[in-house]
PDB file of N, CA and C in Angstrom:
ATOM      1  N   MET A   1     -19.627  31.583   1.251  1.00  0.00           N
ATOM      2  CA  MET A   1     -20.825  31.780   2.554  1.00  0.00           C
ATOM      3  C   MET A   1     -22.113  31.477   1.889  1.00  0.00           C
ATOM      4  N   MET A   2     -22.679  30.550   2.645  1.00  0.00           N
ATOM      5  CA  MET A   2     -24.013  30.322   2.655  1.00  0.00           C
ATOM      6  C   MET A   2     -24.835  31.520   2.975  1.00  0.00           C
ATOM      7  N   SER A   3     -25.854  31.783   1.778  1.00  0.00           N
ATOM      8  CA  SER A   3     -27.221  32.995   2.113  1.00  0.00           C
ATOM      9  C   SER A   3     -28.072  32.279   2.878  1.00  0.00           C
ATOM     10  N   GLU A   4     -29.000  33.206   3.438  1.00  0.00           N
ATOM     11  CA  GLU A   4     -30.324  32.457   4.579  1.00  0.00           C
ATOM     12  C   GLU A   4     -30.914  31.921   3.567  1.00  0.00           C
ATOM     13  N   GLY A   5     -31.409  31.926   2.084  1.00  0.00           N
ATOM     14  CA  GLY A   5     -31.655  31.575   1.646  1.00  0.00           C
ATOM     15  C   GLY A   5     -31.493  29.976   0.915  1.00  0.00           C
ATOM     16  N   GLN A   6     -29.891  29.941   0.771  1.00  0.00           N
ATOM     17  CA  GLN A   6     -29.398  28.548   0.417  1.00  0.00           C
ATOM     18  C   GLN A   6     -29.605  27.534   2.147  1.00  0.00           C
ATOM     19  N   PHE A   7     -29.287  28.156   3.162  1.00  0.00           N
ATOM     20  CA  PHE A   7     -30.007  27.905   4.307  1.00  0.00           C
ATOM     21  C   PHE A   7     -31.224  26.908   4.791  1.00  0.00           C
ATOM     22  N   TYR A   8     -32.188  27.441   4.213  1.00  0.00           N
ATOM     23  CA  TYR A   8     -33.291  27.003   3.794  1.00  0.00           C
ATOM     24  C   TYR A   8     -33.890  26.067   2.973  1.00  0.00           C
ATOM     25  N   ASP A   9     -33.623  26.449   2.379  1.00  0.00           N
ATOM     26  CA  ASP A   9     -33.326  25.264   0.798  1.00  0.00           C
ATOM     27  C   ASP A   9     -33.673  23.644   1.250  1.00  0.00           C
ATOM     28  N   THR A  10     -31.805  24.108   1.639  1.00  0.00           N
ATOM     29  CA  THR A  10     -31.155  22.954   1.636  1.00  0.00           C
ATOM     30  C   THR A  10     -31.818  22.113   3.423  1.00  0.00           C
ATOM     31  N   LEU A  11     -31.983  22.616   4.262  1.00  0.00           N
ATOM     32  CA  LEU A  11     -32.696  22.902   5.935  1.00  0.00           C
ATOM     33  C   LEU A  11     -34.353  21.608   4.959  1.00  0.00           C
ATOM     34  N   ARG A  12     -35.197  22.434   3.967  1.00  0.00           N
ATOM     35  CA  ARG A  12     -36.489  22.049   3.358  1.00  0.00           C
ATOM     36  C   ARG A  12     -35.823  20.527   3.058  1.00  0.00           C
ATOM     37  N   GLN A  13     -35.474  21.126   2.433  1.00  0.00           N
ATOM     38  CA  GLN A  13     -34.632  19.232   0.866  1.00  0.00           C
ATOM     39  C   GLN A  13     -34.567  17.831   2.499  1.00  0.00           C
ATOM     40  N   ALA A  14     -33.394  18.963   3.136  1.00  0.00           N
ATOM     41  CA  ALA A  14     -33.031  17.283   3.650  1.00  0.00           C
ATOM     42  C   ALA A  14     -34.555  17.356   4.629  1.00  0.00           C
ATOM     43  N   LEU A  15     -35.050  18.143   5.975  1.00  0.00           N
ATOM     44  CA  LEU A  15     -36.352  17.420   6.276  1.00  0.00           C
ATOM     45  C   LEU A  15     -37.093  16.752   5.150  1.00  0.00           C
ATOM     46  N   TRP A  16     -37.277  16.846   3.601  1.00  0.00           N
ATOM     47  CA  TRP A  16     -38.200  15.910   2.698  1.00  0.00           C
ATOM     48  C   TRP A  16     -37.719  14.873   2.752  1.00  0.00           C
ATOM     49  N   ALA A  17     -36.666  14.965   2.568  1.00  0.00           N
ATOM     50  CA  ALA A  17     -35.534  13.105   2.301  1.00  0.00           C
ATOM     51  C   ALA A  17     -35.552  12.358   3.732  1.00  0.00           C
ATOM     52  N   GLY A  18     -35.633  13.497   5.158  1.00  0.00           N
ATOM     53  CA  GLY A  18     -35.640  11.887   5.975  1.00  0.00           C
ATOM     54  C   GLY A  18     -37.983  11.554   6.167  1.00  0.00           C
ATOM     55  N   VAL A  19     -38.428  12.546   5.618  1.00  0.00           N
ATOM     56  CA  VAL A  19     -40.017  12.047   5.176  1.00  0.00           C
ATOM     57  C   VAL A  19     -40.369  10.453   4.648  1.00  0.00           C
ATOM     58  N   THR A  20     -39.341  11.123   3.336  1.00  0.00           N
ATOM     59  CA  THR A  20     -39.473  10.014   2.272  1.00  0.00           C
ATOM     60  C   THR A  20     -38.920   8.875   2.832  1.00  0.00           C
ATOM     61  N   MET A  21     -37.235   8.811   3.813  1.00  0.00           N
ATOM     62  CA  MET A  21     -36.767   7.940   3.993  1.00  0.00           C
ATOM     63  C   MET A  21     -37.888   7.257   5.192  1.00  0.00           C
ATOM     64  N   SER A  22     -38.346   8.025   6.165  1.00  0.00           N
ATOM     65  CA  SER A  22     -39.059   7.543   6.759  1.00  0.00           C
ATOM     66  C   SER A  22     -40.804   7.115   7.347  1.00  0.00           C
ATOM     67  N   SER A  23     -40.711   7.383   5.503  1.00  0.00           N
ATOM     68  CA  SER A  23     -42.266   7.227   5.901  1.00  0.00           C
ATOM     69  C   SER A  23     -42.863   5.498   5.480  1.00  0.00           C
ATOM     70  N   PRO A  24     -42.269   5.100   4.537  1.00  0.00           N
ATOM     71  CA  PRO A  24     -41.878   3.063   4.489  1.00  0.00           C
ATOM     72  C   PRO A  24     -42.606   2.820   6.076  1.00  0.00           C
ATOM     73  N   ILE A  25     -41.646   3.141   7.110  1.00  0.00           N
ATOM     74  CA  ILE A  25     -41.483   2.528   8.548  1.00  0.00           C
ATOM     75  C   ILE A  25     -42.755   3.234   9.323  1.00  0.00           C
ATOM     76  N   LEU A  26     -42.759   4.148   9.285  1.00  0.00           N
ATOM     77  CA  LEU A  26     -44.168   5.172   9.709  1.00  0.00           C
ATOM     78  C   LEU A  26     -45.347   4.143   9.021  1.00  0.00           C
ATOM     79  N   ALA A  27     -45.539   4.426   7.951  1.00  0.00           N
ATOM     80  CA  ALA A  27     -47.196   3.746   7.857  1.00  0.00           C
ATOM     81  C   ALA A  27     -47.203   2.365   7.940  1.00  0.00           C
ATOM     82  N   VAL A  28     -46.118   1.394   7.741  1.00  0.00           N
ATOM     83  CA  VAL A  28     -46.028   0.389   8.385  1.00  0.00           C
ATOM     84  C   VAL A  28     -45.944  -0.084  10.275  1.00  0.00           C
ATOM     85  N   ALA A  29     -46.389   0.720  10.620  1.00  0.00           N
ATOM     86  CA  ALA A  29     -46.019   0.965  12.271  1.00  0.00           C
ATOM     87  C   ALA A  29     -47.710   1.637  12.600  1.00  0.00           C
ATOM     88  N   LEU A  30     -47.857   2.417  11.993  1.00  0.00           N
ATOM     89  CA  LEU A  30     -49.420   2.380  11.850  1.00  0.00           C
ATOM     90  C   LEU A  30     -50.411   1.589  11.234  1.00  0.00           C
ATOM     91  N   VAL A  31     -50.257   0.847  10.490  1.00  0.00           N
ATOM     92  CA  VAL A  31     -50.907   0.070   9.370  1.00  0.00           C
ATOM     93  C   VAL A  31     -51.526  -1.172  11.267  1.00  0.00           C
ATOM     94  N   VAL A  32     -49.786  -2.069  11.561  1.00  0.00           N
ATOM     95  CA  VAL A  32     -49.888  -2.770  12.148  1.00  0.00           C
ATOM     96  C   VAL A  32     -50.555  -1.997  13.865  1.00  0.00           C
ATOM     97  N   GLY A  33     -50.075  -1.508  14.247  1.00  0.00           N
ATOM     98  CA  GLY A  33     -50.955  -1.049  15.285  1.00  0.00           C
ATOM     99  C   GLY A  33     -51.990  -0.549  15.426  1.00  0.00           C
ATOM    100  N   LEU A  34     -52.327   0.069  13.935  1.00  0.00           N
ATOM    101  CA  LEU A  34     -54.293   0.004  14.082  1.00  0.00           C
ATOM    102  C   LEU A  34     -54.588  -1.185  14.278  1.00  0.00           C
ATOM    103  N   ALA A  35     -54.239  -2.263  14.420  1.00  0.00           N
ATOM    104  CA  ALA A  35     -54.735  -3.848  13.206  1.00  0.00           C
ATOM    105  C   ALA A  35     -54.298  -4.271  14.519  1.00  0.00           C
ATOM    106  N   ILE A  36     -53.495  -4.579  15.211  1.00  0.00           N
ATOM    107  CA  ILE A  36     -53.586  -4.684  16.430  1.00  0.00           C
ATOM    108  C   ILE A  36     -53.965  -4.770  18.119  1.00  0.00           C
ATOM    109  N   GLY A  37     -54.844  -2.670  17.705  1.00  0.00           N
ATOM    110  CA  GLY A  37     -55.542  -2.143  18.211  1.00  0.00           C
ATOM    111  C   GLY A  37     -56.941  -2.947  18.051  1.00  0.00           C
ATOM    112  N   LEU A  38     -57.018  -3.034  16.991  1.00  0.00           N
ATOM    113  CA  LEU A  38     -58.794  -3.107  16.332  1.00  0.00           C
ATOM    114  C   LEU A  38     -58.680  -5.099  16.771  1.00  0.00           C
ATOM    115  N   PHE A  39     -57.563  -6.137  16.877  1.00  0.00           N
ATOM    116  CA  PHE A  39     -57.615  -7.255  17.278  1.00  0.00           C
ATOM    117  C   PHE A  39     -58.186  -6.907  19.254  1.00  0.00           C
ATOM    118  N   GLN A  40     -57.278  -5.795  19.807  1.00  0.00           N
ATOM    119  CA  GLN A  40     -57.323  -6.490  21.188  1.00  0.00           C
ATOM    120  C   GLN A  40     -58.873  -5.052  21.216  1.00  0.00           C
ATOM    121  N   ALA A  41     -58.899  -4.306  21.009  1.00  0.00           N
ATOM    122  CA  ALA A  41     -61.050  -4.031  20.807  1.00  0.00           C
ATOM    123  C   ALA A  41     -61.157  -5.376  20.848  1.00  0.00           C
ATOM    124  N   LEU A  42     -61.427  -6.476  19.772  1.00  0.00           N
ATOM    125  CA  LEU A  42     -62.650  -6.899  19.649  1.00  0.00           C
ATOM    126  C   LEU A  42     -62.359  -8.260  20.414  1.00  0.00           C
ATOM    127  N   THR A  43     -61.133  -8.770  21.090  1.00  0.00           N
ATOM    128  CA  THR A  43     -60.770 -10.342  21.697  1.00  0.00           C
ATOM    129  C   THR A  43     -60.831  -9.460  23.322  1.00  0.00           C
ATOM    130  N   SER A  44     -61.344  -7.596  23.211  1.00  0.00           N
ATOM    131  CA  SER A  44     -60.462  -8.063  25.209  1.00  0.00           C
ATOM    132  C   SER A  44     -59.398  -8.708  25.707  1.00  0.00           C
ATOM    133  N   VAL A  45     -58.210  -8.539  24.950  1.00  0.00           N
ATOM    134  CA  VAL A  45     -57.554  -9.536  25.102  1.00  0.00           C
ATOM    135  C   VAL A  45     -55.893  -8.477  25.458  1.00  0.00           C
ATOM    136  N   GLN A  46     -55.894  -7.204  26.743  1.00  0.00           N
ATOM    137  CA  GLN A  46     -54.952  -6.321  27.054  1.00  0.00           C
ATOM    138  C   GLN A  46     -53.686  -6.637  27.619  1.00  0.00           C
ATOM    139  N   GLU A  47     -52.861  -7.769  26.737  1.00  0.00           N
ATOM    140  CA  GLU A  47     -51.391  -7.305  26.575  1.00  0.00           C
ATOM    141  C   GLU A  47     -50.537  -6.773  26.309  1.00  0.00           C
ATOM    142  N   MET A  48     -49.673  -6.639  26.684  1.00  0.00           N
ATOM    143  CA  MET A  48     -48.700  -5.242  26.649  1.00  0.00           C
ATOM    144  C   MET A  48     -47.423  -6.040  25.551  1.00  0.00           C
ATOM    145  N   THR A  49     -47.437  -7.387  25.370  1.00  0.00           N
ATOM    146  CA  THR A  49     -46.406  -7.485  24.501  1.00  0.00           C
ATOM    147  C   THR A  49     -46.894  -7.711  23.145  1.00  0.00           C
ATOM    148  N   LEU A  50     -47.979  -7.800  23.232  1.00  0.00           N
ATOM    149  CA  LEU A  50     -49.465  -8.120  21.996  1.00  0.00           C
ATOM    150  C   LEU A  50     -48.978  -7.094  21.100  1.00  0.00           C
ATOM    151  N   THR A  51     -48.507  -6.066  21.571  1.00  0.00           N
ATOM    152  CA  THR A  51     -48.683  -5.044  20.837  1.00  0.00           C
ATOM    153  C   THR A  51     -46.847  -4.673  20.565  1.00  0.00           C
ATOM    154  N   PHE A  52     -46.330  -4.933  21.483  1.00  0.00           N
ATOM    155  CA  PHE A  52     -45.011  -4.301  21.252  1.00  0.00           C
ATOM    156  C   PHE A  52     -44.772  -5.240  20.111  1.00  0.00           C
ATOM    157  N   VAL A  53     -44.331  -6.801  20.362  1.00  0.00           N
ATOM    158  CA  VAL A  53     -43.668  -7.465  19.303  1.00  0.00           C
ATOM    159  C   VAL A  53     -43.719  -7.635  18.074  1.00  0.00           C
ATOM    160  N   PRO A  54     -45.341  -7.381  17.257  1.00  0.00           N
ATOM    161  CA  PRO A  54     -45.414  -7.582  16.128  1.00  0.00           C
ATOM    162  C   PRO A  54     -45.150  -6.115  15.726  1.00  0.00           C
ATOM    163  N   LYS A  55     -45.275  -5.334  16.435  1.00  0.00           N
ATOM    164  CA  LYS A  55     -45.352  -4.075  15.759  1.00  0.00           C
ATOM    165  C   LYS A  55     -43.856  -3.410  15.244  1.00  0.00           C
ATOM    166  N   LEU A  56     -42.589  -4.260  16.299  1.00  0.00           N
ATOM    167  CA  LEU A  56     -41.093  -4.166  16.251  1.00  0.00           C
ATOM    168  C   LEU A  56     -40.594  -5.277  15.154  1.00  0.00           C
ATOM    169  N   ALA A  57     -41.581  -6.365  15.126  1.00  0.00           N
ATOM    170  CA  ALA A  57     -40.718  -7.100  14.513  1.00  0.00           C
ATOM    171  C   ALA A  57     -41.308  -6.947  12.555  1.00  0.00           C
ATOM    172  N   ALA A  58     -42.641  -5.965  12.303  1.00  0.00           N
ATOM    173  CA  ALA A  58     -43.015  -5.374  11.295  1.00  0.00           C
ATOM    174  C   ALA A  58     -42.204  -4.283  10.766  1.00  0.00           C
ATOM    175  N   ILE A  59     -42.061  -3.919  12.178  1.00  0.00           N
ATOM    176  CA  ILE A  59     -40.355  -2.511  11.542  1.00  0.00           C
ATOM    177  C   ILE A  59     -39.509  -2.783  11.604  1.00  0.00           C
ATOM    178  N   VAL A  60     -39.089  -3.967  11.851  1.00  0.00           N
ATOM    179  CA  VAL A  60     -37.833  -3.997  11.275  1.00  0.00           C
ATOM    180  C   VAL A  60     -37.730  -5.530   9.670  1.00  0.00           C
ATOM    181  N   VAL A  61     -38.951  -6.116   9.823  1.00  0.00           N
ATOM    182  CA  VAL A  61     -38.993  -6.755   8.011  1.00  0.00           C
ATOM    183  C   VAL A  61     -38.594  -4.600   7.193  1.00  0.00           C
ATOM    184  N   VAL A  62     -39.557  -3.727   7.600  1.00  0.00           N
ATOM    185  CA  VAL A  62     -39.921  -3.225   6.570  1.00  0.00           C
ATOM    186  C   VAL A  62     -38.811  -2.534   6.398  1.00  0.00           C
ATOM    187  N   PHE A  63     -37.814  -2.556   7.300  1.00  0.00           N
ATOM    188  CA  PHE A  63     -36.596  -1.643   7.812  1.00  0.00           C
ATOM    189  C   PHE A  63     -35.970  -2.524   6.600  1.00  0.00           C
ATOM    190  N   TRP A  64     -35.408  -3.406   7.308  1.00  0.00           N
ATOM    191  CA  TRP A  64     -34.418  -4.388   5.852  1.00  0.00           C
ATOM    192  C   TRP A  64     -35.582  -3.987   4.941  1.00  0.00           C
ATOM    193  N   MET A  65     -35.757  -4.182   4.531  1.00  0.00           N
ATOM    194  CA  MET A  65     -36.624  -4.338   3.297  1.00  0.00           C
ATOM    195  C   MET A  65     -36.844  -2.519   2.736  1.00  0.00           C
ATOM    196  N   SER A  66     -36.311  -1.610   2.873  1.00  0.00           N
ATOM    197  CA  SER A  66     -36.775  -0.741   2.718  1.00  0.00           C
ATOM    198  C   SER A  66     -35.248   0.041   2.926  1.00  0.00           C
ATOM    199  N   MET A  67     -33.944  -0.506   2.961  1.00  0.00           N
ATOM    200  CA  MET A  67     -32.366   0.463   3.430  1.00  0.00           C
ATOM    201  C   MET A  67     -31.837   0.064   2.011  1.00  0.00           C
ATOM    202  N   GLY A  68     -32.172   0.034   1.088  1.00  0.00           N
ATOM    203  CA  GLY A  68     -31.663   0.183  -0.645  1.00  0.00           C
ATOM    204  C   GLY A  68     -32.334   1.182  -0.620  1.00  0.00           C
ATOM    205  N   PHE A  69     -33.617   1.837  -0.530  1.00  0.00           N
ATOM    206  CA  PHE A  69     -34.188   2.589  -1.203  1.00  0.00           C
ATOM    207  C   PHE A  69     -34.095   3.503   0.080  1.00  0.00           C
ATOM    208  N   MET A  70     -33.568   3.432   1.289  1.00  0.00           N
ATOM    209  CA  MET A  70     -32.892   4.921   2.147  1.00  0.00           C
ATOM    210  C   MET A  70     -31.519   5.533   1.363  1.00  0.00           C
ATOM    211  N   THR A  71     -30.459   4.584   1.456  1.00  0.00           N
ATOM    212  CA  THR A  71     -29.291   4.898   0.895  1.00  0.00           C
ATOM    213  C   THR A  71     -29.352   5.675   0.017  1.00  0.00           C
ATOM    214  N   GLN A  72     -30.369   5.165  -1.033  1.00  0.00           N
ATOM    215  CA  GLN A  72     -29.808   5.730  -2.673  1.00  0.00           C
ATOM    216  C   GLN A  72     -30.911   7.096  -2.141  1.00  0.00           C
ATOM    217  N   THR A  73     -31.844   7.200  -1.095  1.00  0.00           N
ATOM    218  CA  THR A  73     -32.452   9.019  -1.216  1.00  0.00           C
ATOM    219  C   THR A  73     -31.525   9.261  -0.589  1.00  0.00           C
ATOM    220  N   LEU A  74     -30.481   8.823   0.634  1.00  0.00           N
ATOM    221  CA  LEU A  74     -29.879   9.855   1.053  1.00  0.00           C
ATOM    222  C   LEU A  74     -28.421  10.140   0.522  1.00  0.00           C
ATOM    223  N   VAL A  75     -27.958   9.300  -0.538  1.00  0.00           N
ATOM    224  CA  VAL A  75     -26.982   9.622  -1.179  1.00  0.00           C
ATOM    225  C   VAL A  75     -26.955  10.177  -2.478  1.00  0.00           C
ATOM    226  N   ALA A  76     -28.393  10.519  -2.787  1.00  0.00           N
ATOM    227  CA  ALA A  76     -28.811  11.725  -3.993  1.00  0.00           C
ATOM    228  C   ALA A  76     -28.606  12.822  -3.089  1.00  0.00           C
ATOM    229  N   PHE A  77     -28.839  12.560  -2.062  1.00  0.00           N
ATOM    230  CA  PHE A  77     -29.281  13.883  -1.773  1.00  0.00           C
ATOM    231  C   PHE A  77     -28.241  14.541  -0.817  1.00  0.00           C
ATOM    232  N   PHE A  78     -27.191  13.820  -1.110  1.00  0.00           N
ATOM    233  CA  PHE A  78     -25.503  14.525  -0.847  1.00  0.00           C
ATOM    234  C   PHE A  78     -25.305  15.131  -1.741  1.00  0.00           C
ATOM    235  N   ASN A  79     -25.243  14.143  -2.547  1.00  0.00           N
ATOM    236  CA  ASN A  79     -24.330  14.198  -3.808  1.00  0.00           C
ATOM    237  C   ASN A  79     -25.084  15.236  -4.977  1.00  0.00           C
ATOM    238  N   GLY A  80     -26.074  15.332  -4.314  1.00  0.00           N
ATOM    239  CA  GLY A  80     -26.945  16.397  -5.751  1.00  0.00           C
ATOM    240  C   GLY A  80     -27.476  18.130  -4.738  1.00  0.00           C
ATOM    241  N   HIS A  81     -26.812  17.831  -3.075  1.00  0.00           N
ATOM    242  CA  HIS A  81     -27.671  19.381  -2.481  1.00  0.00           C
ATOM    243  C   HIS A  81     -25.740  19.763  -1.230  1.00  0.00           C
ATOM    244  N   ILE A  82     -25.503  18.285  -1.222  1.00  0.00           N
ATOM    245  CA  ILE A  82     -24.853  18.555  -0.009  1.00  0.00           C
ATOM    246  C   ILE A  82     -22.893  19.003  -0.560  1.00  0.00           C
ATOM    247  N   ILE A  83     -22.700  17.886  -1.461  1.00  0.00           N
ATOM    248  CA  ILE A  83     -21.415  17.986  -1.123  1.00  0.00           C
ATOM    249  C   ILE A  83     -21.054  19.730  -2.391  1.00  0.00           C
ATOM    250  N   PRO A  84     -21.908  19.949  -3.473  1.00  0.00           N
ATOM    251  CA  PRO A  84     -21.799  20.926  -4.209  1.00  0.00           C
ATOM    252  C   PRO A  84     -21.976  21.940  -3.337  1.00  0.00           C
ATOM    253  N   LEU A  85     -22.555  21.836  -1.964  1.00  0.00           N
ATOM    254  CA  LEU A  85     -22.164  23.253  -0.925  1.00  0.00           C
ATOM    255  C   LEU A  85     -21.143  23.153  -0.708  1.00  0.00           C
ATOM    256  N   ILE A  86     -20.662  21.987  -0.285  1.00  0.00           N
ATOM    257  CA  ILE A  86     -19.353  22.361   0.808  1.00  0.00           C
ATOM    258  C   ILE A  86     -18.061  22.445  -0.554  1.00  0.00           C
ATOM    259  N   ALA A  87     -17.627  22.844  -1.887  1.00  0.00           N
ATOM    260  CA  ALA A  87     -17.586  22.262  -2.652  1.00  0.00           C
ATOM    261  C   ALA A  87     -17.245  23.258  -3.223  1.00  0.00           C
ATOM    262  N   GLY A  88     -18.234  24.367  -3.524  1.00  0.00           N
ATOM    263  CA  GLY A  88     -18.539  26.076  -3.392  1.00  0.00           C
ATOM    264  C   GLY A  88     -19.546  26.152  -4.667  1.00  0.00           C
ATOM    265  N   VAL A  89     -19.938  25.205  -5.012  1.00  0.00           N
ATOM    266  CA  VAL A  89     -20.276  25.224  -6.901  1.00  0.00           C
ATOM    267  C   VAL A  89     -21.390  25.860  -6.994  1.00  0.00           C
ATOM    268  N   SER A  90     -22.597  25.585  -6.703  1.00  0.00           N
ATOM    269  CA  SER A  90     -23.832  26.734  -6.169  1.00  0.00           C
ATOM    270  C   SER A  90     -23.799  27.357  -5.244  1.00  0.00           C
TER     271      SER A  90
END
Protein backbone atom coordinates (compact mmCIF):
# COMPACT_ATOMS: atom_id res chain seq x y z
CA MET A 1 0.00 0.00 0.00
CA MET A 2 1.31 3.42 -0.96
CA SER A 3 1.55 5.99 1.80
CA GLU A 4 0.29 9.51 1.41
CA GLY A 5 3.84 10.86 1.35
CA GLN A 6 4.85 8.46 -1.43
CA PHE A 7 1.77 9.43 -3.42
CA TYR A 8 2.48 13.16 -3.22
CA ASP A 9 6.18 12.64 -3.93
CA THR A 10 5.35 10.55 -7.00
CA LEU A 11 2.82 13.15 -8.13
CA ARG A 12 5.38 15.93 -7.68
CA GLN A 13 7.97 14.02 -9.68
CA ALA A 14 5.42 13.24 -12.42
CA LEU A 15 4.45 16.91 -12.69
CA TRP A 16 8.11 17.92 -12.85
CA ALA A 17 8.71 15.34 -15.61
CA GLY A 18 5.75 16.81 -17.52
CA VAL A 19 7.08 20.35 -17.14
CA THR A 20 10.54 19.24 -18.22
CA MET A 21 9.22 17.47 -21.31
CA SER A 22 6.90 20.28 -22.39
CA SER A 23 9.25 23.21 -21.76
CA PRO A 24 11.03 23.17 -25.17
CA ILE A 25 7.72 23.23 -27.05
CA LEU A 26 6.20 25.90 -24.83
CA ALA A 27 9.32 28.07 -25.06
CA VAL A 28 9.35 27.93 -28.85
CA ALA A 29 5.61 28.65 -29.03
CA LEU A 30 6.15 31.69 -26.80
CA VAL A 31 9.10 33.05 -28.79
CA VAL A 32 7.43 32.50 -32.17
CA GLY A 33 4.17 34.00 -30.91
CA LEU A 34 5.96 37.09 -29.61
CA ALA A 35 7.89 37.50 -32.86
CA ILE A 36 4.75 37.18 -34.96
CA GLY A 37 2.85 39.54 -32.67
CA LEU A 38 5.63 42.11 -32.99
CA PHE A 39 5.66 41.69 -36.76
CA GLN A 40 1.88 42.16 -36.91
CA ALA A 41 2.05 45.24 -34.69
CA LEU A 42 4.79 46.81 -36.80
CA THR A 43 3.18 46.08 -40.16
CA SER A 44 -0.54 46.27 -39.21
CA VAL A 45 -1.12 42.93 -40.92
CA GLN A 46 -3.91 41.13 -39.03
CA GLU A 47 -4.14 37.77 -40.72
CA MET A 48 -5.19 34.77 -38.61
CA THR A 49 -3.17 32.25 -40.61
CA LEU A 50 -0.07 34.36 -40.05
CA THR A 51 -0.24 33.58 -36.34
CA PHE A 52 -1.31 29.95 -36.62
CA VAL A 53 0.78 28.40 -39.39
CA PRO A 54 4.30 29.53 -38.38
CA LYS A 55 3.65 28.71 -34.73
CA LEU A 56 2.34 25.26 -35.64
CA ALA A 57 5.32 24.64 -37.93
CA ALA A 58 7.79 25.68 -35.21
CA ILE A 59 6.06 23.48 -32.63
CA VAL A 60 6.14 20.46 -34.98
CA VAL A 61 9.84 20.98 -35.72
CA VAL A 62 10.76 21.33 -32.04
CA PHE A 63 8.60 18.34 -31.13
CA TRP A 64 10.35 16.26 -33.76
CA MET A 65 13.77 17.42 -32.57
CA SER A 66 13.04 16.83 -28.88
CA MET A 67 11.23 13.49 -29.13
CA GLY A 68 14.34 11.59 -28.04
CA PHE A 69 14.76 13.81 -24.98
CA MET A 70 11.08 13.45 -24.08
CA THR A 71 11.23 9.68 -24.44
CA GLN A 72 14.37 9.43 -22.31
CA THR A 73 12.79 11.58 -19.61
CA LEU A 74 9.59 9.56 -19.54
CA VAL A 75 11.39 6.20 -19.55
CA ALA A 76 13.71 7.35 -16.77
CA PHE A 77 10.73 8.45 -14.70
CA PHE A 78 8.94 5.15 -15.17
CA ASN A 79 12.05 3.03 -14.55
CA GLY A 80 13.14 5.07 -11.55
CA HIS A 81 9.83 5.76 -9.83
CA ILE A 82 6.73 3.99 -11.17
CA ILE A 83 8.04 0.46 -11.78
CA PRO A 84 9.67 0.21 -8.32
CA LEU A 85 6.37 1.34 -6.78
CA ILE A 86 4.48 -1.34 -8.71
CA ALA A 87 7.05 -4.00 -7.77
CA GLY A 88 6.96 -2.86 -4.15
CA VAL A 89 10.70 -2.19 -3.97
CA SER A 90 10.51 1.29 -2.49
